[in-house]
Amino acid sequence: MTITVRLTPRGGADRIDGLRPVEGGTALAARVRAAPEKGLANQALEELIAGLLGVSKTDVTVAAGRTSRLKTVQVARPPGVLKDRLDAITREEEGDEA
């Protein structure tokens, strides 16, 4: 499964902020406490997504956009269950903003 993510490093917390429009579609908005130095923010993003989806950290990889805020994250698991879990997470986060 591939996920497009708009990452905010040094965001004060490790969390998902719902969905955000980006050029060409929609991205999962995420923030991490880690600084965008030496791959620390990417590593924190991989750990955040792995924890939320209930998969191993080794199953989540930033596949593109390593030095950009807009990233392509690859999750090495069948997409069915992951999509359901991801949909639930984004609904929860969007509900928190209301």
N, C-alpha and C. Protein backbone atom coordinates (compact mmCIF):
# COMPACT_ATOMS: atom_id res chain seq x y z
N MET A 1 0.85 -1.17 0.00
CA MET A 1 0.00 0.00 0.00
C MET A 1 0.89 1.23 0.00
N THR A 2 0.52 2.22 -0.80
CA THR A 2 1.26 3.47 -0.87
C THR A 2 0.41 4.59 -0.29
N ILE A 3 1.02 5.43 0.55
CA ILE A 3 0.32 6.55 1.19
C ILE A 3 1.10 7.83 0.88
N THR A 4 0.40 8.86 0.45
CA THR A 4 1.01 10.18 0.28
C THR A 4 0.85 10.93 1.60
N VAL A 5 1.96 11.48 2.10
CA VAL A 5 1.96 12.14 3.41
C VAL A 5 2.54 13.54 3.27
N ARG A 6 1.89 14.51 3.89
CA ARG A 6 2.44 15.86 4.03
C ARG A 6 2.95 15.96 5.45
N LEU A 7 4.28 16.00 5.62
CA LEU A 7 4.90 15.94 6.94
C LEU A 7 5.33 17.31 7.43
N THR A 8 5.04 17.56 8.72
CA THR A 8 5.54 18.75 9.39
C THR A 8 6.54 18.30 10.45
N PRO A 9 7.84 18.46 10.20
CA PRO A 9 8.83 18.13 11.22
C PRO A 9 8.84 19.22 12.29
N ARG A 10 9.38 18.89 13.46
CA ARG A 10 9.38 19.82 14.60
C ARG A 10 7.96 20.31 14.87
N GLY A 11 7.01 19.40 14.77
CA GLY A 11 5.59 19.74 14.90
C GLY A 11 5.07 19.72 16.32
N GLY A 12 5.92 19.46 17.31
CA GLY A 12 5.49 19.50 18.70
C GLY A 12 4.87 18.23 19.22
N ALA A 13 4.50 17.33 18.33
CA ALA A 13 3.89 16.06 18.72
C ALA A 13 4.03 15.09 17.56
N ASP A 14 3.93 13.81 17.85
CA ASP A 14 3.91 12.78 16.81
C ASP A 14 2.45 12.39 16.64
N ARG A 15 1.82 12.85 15.55
CA ARG A 15 0.40 12.56 15.36
C ARG A 15 -0.03 12.77 13.91
N ILE A 16 -1.22 12.26 13.62
CA ILE A 16 -1.86 12.44 12.32
C ILE A 16 -2.87 13.56 12.47
N ASP A 17 -2.90 14.47 11.50
CA ASP A 17 -3.81 15.61 11.54
C ASP A 17 -4.92 15.51 10.50
N GLY A 18 -5.23 14.32 10.02
CA GLY A 18 -6.30 14.14 9.05
C GLY A 18 -5.79 14.17 7.62
N LEU A 19 -6.67 14.56 6.71
CA LEU A 19 -6.33 14.62 5.29
C LEU A 19 -6.24 16.07 4.85
N ARG A 20 -5.34 16.35 3.91
CA ARG A 20 -5.16 17.70 3.39
C ARG A 20 -5.06 17.63 1.87
N PRO A 21 -5.65 18.63 1.19
CA PRO A 21 -5.50 18.67 -0.27
C PRO A 21 -4.07 19.05 -0.64
N VAL A 22 -3.55 18.38 -1.64
CA VAL A 22 -2.24 18.69 -2.20
C VAL A 22 -2.38 18.66 -3.71
N GLU A 23 -1.41 19.21 -4.40
CA GLU A 23 -1.46 19.21 -5.85
C GLU A 23 -1.57 17.77 -6.35
N GLY A 24 -2.61 17.51 -7.10
CA GLY A 24 -2.80 16.19 -7.66
C GLY A 24 -3.59 15.23 -6.80
N GLY A 25 -4.13 15.69 -5.66
CA GLY A 25 -4.94 14.79 -4.85
C GLY A 25 -5.01 15.17 -3.39
N THR A 26 -4.94 14.16 -2.54
CA THR A 26 -5.07 14.32 -1.10
C THR A 26 -3.92 13.61 -0.42
N ALA A 27 -3.46 14.19 0.69
CA ALA A 27 -2.37 13.58 1.45
C ALA A 27 -2.77 13.46 2.91
N LEU A 28 -2.23 12.47 3.55
CA LEU A 28 -2.37 12.32 4.99
C LEU A 28 -1.46 13.37 5.63
N ALA A 29 -2.01 14.20 6.49
CA ALA A 29 -1.21 15.23 7.17
C ALA A 29 -0.67 14.63 8.46
N ALA A 30 0.64 14.73 8.64
CA ALA A 30 1.27 14.18 9.84
C ALA A 30 2.27 15.19 10.37
N ARG A 31 2.51 15.11 11.67
CA ARG A 31 3.55 15.93 12.29
C ARG A 31 4.37 15.04 13.22
N VAL A 32 5.63 15.37 13.33
CA VAL A 32 6.52 14.65 14.25
C VAL A 32 7.36 15.67 15.01
N ARG A 33 7.80 15.28 16.19
CA ARG A 33 8.66 16.16 17.00
C ARG A 33 10.06 16.26 16.43
N ALA A 34 10.51 15.25 15.75
CA ALA A 34 11.89 15.18 15.26
C ALA A 34 12.20 16.28 14.25
N ALA A 35 13.45 16.69 14.25
CA ALA A 35 13.94 17.68 13.29
C ALA A 35 14.22 17.00 11.95
N PRO A 36 14.14 17.78 10.87
CA PRO A 36 14.42 17.21 9.55
C PRO A 36 15.92 17.14 9.27
N GLU A 37 16.62 16.44 10.13
CA GLU A 37 18.08 16.32 10.03
C GLU A 37 18.48 14.85 10.11
N LYS A 38 19.37 14.44 9.24
CA LYS A 38 19.93 13.09 9.26
C LYS A 38 18.85 12.00 9.20
N GLY A 39 17.73 12.30 8.56
CA GLY A 39 16.68 11.31 8.40
C GLY A 39 15.83 11.07 9.64
N LEU A 40 16.00 11.90 10.68
CA LEU A 40 15.27 11.67 11.93
C LEU A 40 13.76 11.86 11.77
N ALA A 41 13.35 12.87 11.01
CA ALA A 41 11.91 13.10 10.81
C ALA A 41 11.30 11.96 10.01
N ASN A 42 12.00 11.47 9.00
CA ASN A 42 11.50 10.34 8.21
C ASN A 42 11.37 9.09 9.08
N GLN A 43 12.35 8.85 9.92
CA GLN A 43 12.30 7.69 10.81
C GLN A 43 11.12 7.82 11.78
N ALA A 44 10.91 9.01 12.31
CA ALA A 44 9.78 9.23 13.23
C ALA A 44 8.45 9.01 12.50
N LEU A 45 8.37 9.45 11.25
CA LEU A 45 7.15 9.24 10.46
C LEU A 45 6.91 7.75 10.24
N GLU A 46 7.94 7.01 9.88
CA GLU A 46 7.80 5.56 9.69
C GLU A 46 7.31 4.89 10.97
N GLU A 47 7.85 5.28 12.10
CA GLU A 47 7.44 4.70 13.38
C GLU A 47 6.00 5.08 13.72
N LEU A 48 5.62 6.33 13.46
CA LEU A 48 4.26 6.79 13.72
C LEU A 48 3.25 5.98 12.91
N ILE A 49 3.49 5.86 11.62
CA ILE A 49 2.56 5.14 10.76
C ILE A 49 2.51 3.66 11.12
N ALA A 50 3.66 3.07 11.41
CA ALA A 50 3.68 1.65 11.81
C ALA A 50 2.85 1.44 13.07
N GLY A 51 3.02 2.30 14.05
CA GLY A 51 2.26 2.17 15.29
C GLY A 51 0.77 2.32 15.08
N LEU A 52 0.38 3.29 14.28
CA LEU A 52 -1.05 3.52 14.04
C LEU A 52 -1.70 2.40 13.25
N LEU A 53 -0.96 1.82 12.31
CA LEU A 53 -1.52 0.74 11.49
C LEU A 53 -1.32 -0.64 12.10
N GLY A 54 -0.55 -0.70 13.19
CA GLY A 54 -0.34 -1.99 13.84
C GLY A 54 0.55 -2.93 13.06
N VAL A 55 1.54 -2.37 12.38
CA VAL A 55 2.50 -3.20 11.63
C VAL A 55 3.90 -2.95 12.18
N SER A 56 4.82 -3.77 11.78
CA SER A 56 6.21 -3.62 12.20
C SER A 56 6.83 -2.37 11.58
N LYS A 57 7.75 -1.75 12.29
CA LYS A 57 8.45 -0.57 11.76
C LYS A 57 9.20 -0.91 10.47
N THR A 58 9.64 -2.15 10.34
CA THR A 58 10.36 -2.54 9.13
C THR A 58 9.44 -2.67 7.92
N ASP A 59 8.12 -2.67 8.14
CA ASP A 59 7.15 -2.75 7.04
C ASP A 59 6.81 -1.39 6.45
N VAL A 60 7.31 -0.31 7.05
CA VAL A 60 6.98 1.05 6.62
C VAL A 60 8.26 1.75 6.16
N THR A 61 8.23 2.31 4.95
CA THR A 61 9.41 2.96 4.38
C THR A 61 9.01 4.23 3.65
N VAL A 62 9.76 5.32 3.87
CA VAL A 62 9.60 6.51 3.05
C VAL A 62 10.27 6.18 1.71
N ALA A 63 9.44 5.98 0.69
CA ALA A 63 9.95 5.53 -0.61
C ALA A 63 10.34 6.68 -1.52
N ALA A 64 9.76 7.85 -1.32
CA ALA A 64 10.08 9.02 -2.14
C ALA A 64 9.84 10.28 -1.32
N GLY A 65 10.59 11.33 -1.64
CA GLY A 65 10.43 12.59 -0.94
C GLY A 65 11.19 12.68 0.36
N ARG A 66 12.31 11.98 0.46
CA ARG A 66 13.06 11.94 1.72
C ARG A 66 13.47 13.32 2.20
N THR A 67 13.66 14.30 1.30
CA THR A 67 14.06 15.65 1.72
C THR A 67 12.95 16.67 1.46
N SER A 68 11.75 16.20 1.21
CA SER A 68 10.60 17.06 0.92
C SER A 68 9.54 16.89 2.00
N ARG A 69 8.66 17.87 2.15
CA ARG A 69 7.54 17.71 3.08
C ARG A 69 6.52 16.71 2.55
N LEU A 70 6.39 16.62 1.23
CA LEU A 70 5.45 15.69 0.61
C LEU A 70 6.18 14.38 0.33
N LYS A 71 5.71 13.31 0.95
CA LYS A 71 6.41 12.03 0.90
C LYS A 71 5.50 10.92 0.39
N THR A 72 6.10 9.92 -0.19
CA THR A 72 5.40 8.70 -0.54
C THR A 72 5.89 7.63 0.42
N VAL A 73 4.95 7.06 1.18
CA VAL A 73 5.29 6.05 2.17
C VAL A 73 4.74 4.71 1.70
N GLN A 74 5.58 3.70 1.71
CA GLN A 74 5.20 2.35 1.30
C GLN A 74 5.01 1.49 2.54
N VAL A 75 3.85 0.81 2.61
CA VAL A 75 3.58 -0.12 3.71
C VAL A 75 3.48 -1.51 3.10
N ALA A 76 4.34 -2.41 3.56
CA ALA A 76 4.44 -3.76 2.98
C ALA A 76 3.46 -4.72 3.64
N ARG A 77 2.19 -4.44 3.43
CA ARG A 77 1.12 -5.30 3.93
C ARG A 77 -0.04 -5.23 2.94
N PRO A 78 -0.93 -6.22 2.92
CA PRO A 78 -2.09 -6.16 2.04
C PRO A 78 -2.93 -4.91 2.34
N PRO A 79 -3.40 -4.20 1.31
CA PRO A 79 -4.04 -2.92 1.52
C PRO A 79 -5.42 -2.95 2.16
N GLY A 80 -6.17 -4.04 2.10
CA GLY A 80 -7.54 -4.07 2.59
C GLY A 80 -7.69 -3.62 4.04
N VAL A 81 -7.07 -4.33 4.95
CA VAL A 81 -7.17 -4.02 6.38
C VAL A 81 -6.51 -2.69 6.68
N LEU A 82 -5.38 -2.41 6.03
CA LEU A 82 -4.68 -1.15 6.27
C LEU A 82 -5.53 0.03 5.87
N LYS A 83 -6.24 -0.06 4.74
CA LYS A 83 -7.09 1.04 4.30
C LYS A 83 -8.20 1.28 5.31
N ASP A 84 -8.82 0.23 5.81
CA ASP A 84 -9.87 0.38 6.81
C ASP A 84 -9.34 1.08 8.06
N ARG A 85 -8.16 0.67 8.52
CA ARG A 85 -7.55 1.28 9.71
C ARG A 85 -7.19 2.74 9.45
N LEU A 86 -6.63 3.02 8.28
CA LEU A 86 -6.26 4.39 7.93
C LEU A 86 -7.50 5.28 7.83
N ASP A 87 -8.57 4.77 7.25
CA ASP A 87 -9.82 5.53 7.18
C ASP A 87 -10.34 5.86 8.58
N ALA A 88 -10.27 4.89 9.49
CA ALA A 88 -10.72 5.11 10.86
C ALA A 88 -9.87 6.17 11.55
N ILE A 89 -8.56 6.13 11.35
CA ILE A 89 -7.66 7.11 11.97
C ILE A 89 -7.97 8.52 11.47
N THR A 90 -8.15 8.68 10.17
CA THR A 90 -8.40 10.02 9.64
C THR A 90 -9.76 10.53 10.08
N ARG A 91 -10.76 9.67 10.21
CA ARG A 91 -12.06 10.10 10.73
C ARG A 91 -11.93 10.57 12.17
N GLU A 92 -11.16 9.85 12.99
CA GLU A 92 -10.95 10.23 14.39
C GLU A 92 -10.28 11.59 14.47
N GLU A 93 -9.24 11.81 13.68
CA GLU A 93 -8.49 13.07 13.72
C GLU A 93 -9.34 14.23 13.22
N GLU A 94 -10.12 14.03 12.18
CA GLU A 94 -10.97 15.10 11.68
C GLU A 94 -12.07 15.42 12.67
N GLY A 95 -12.54 14.42 13.42
CA GLY A 95 -13.53 14.65 14.47
C GLY A 95 -12.97 15.46 15.62
N ASP A 96 -11.68 15.31 15.92
CA ASP A 96 -11.03 16.08 16.99
C ASP A 96 -10.97 17.55 16.66
N GLU A 97 -10.94 17.92 15.37
CA GLU A 97 -10.82 19.31 14.97
C GLU A 97 -12.15 20.05 15.09
N ALA A 98 -13.26 19.32 15.14
CA ALA A 98 -14.59 19.95 15.17
C ALA A 98 -14.88 20.57 16.51
